[in-house]
Amino acid sequence: MEHQDIDKMKYEAAKEHVAKIRKFGINVLVFCILFLFLNRENIFQFNEFNFGFGRVSIIFWIWGIILAVKAVKLFVFDYDWERKMIEKNLKNNQNGKL
């Protein structure tokens, strides 16, 4: 019975992780589309790329930083890292340590 609960817990955690990755991918796609649409004159000015601070550029810098932080959280501190930390804490709690 306990093994089934653990498998169900792992499945739910993996399902949630995949949903977060999907949401992140959609956010990146929306970011890219809006960035290109709103900065098309600034980017393709004089037949060369120009990524200077335009009228909406600061918003996109902030949004880009937020996306980068989310990427690190999703792909560096992912499900396996979280699972290992939970198992480590459970092991410490079983040994009487907090």
Foldseek 3Di string as FASTA:
>chain_A
DVVVVVVVVLVVQVVVLVVLVVVLVVLVVVLVVVCCVVCVCQQCPPNHGHLDDDPCNVVSVVSVVVSVVSCCCSPVCHPVVVVVVVVVVVVCVVVVHD
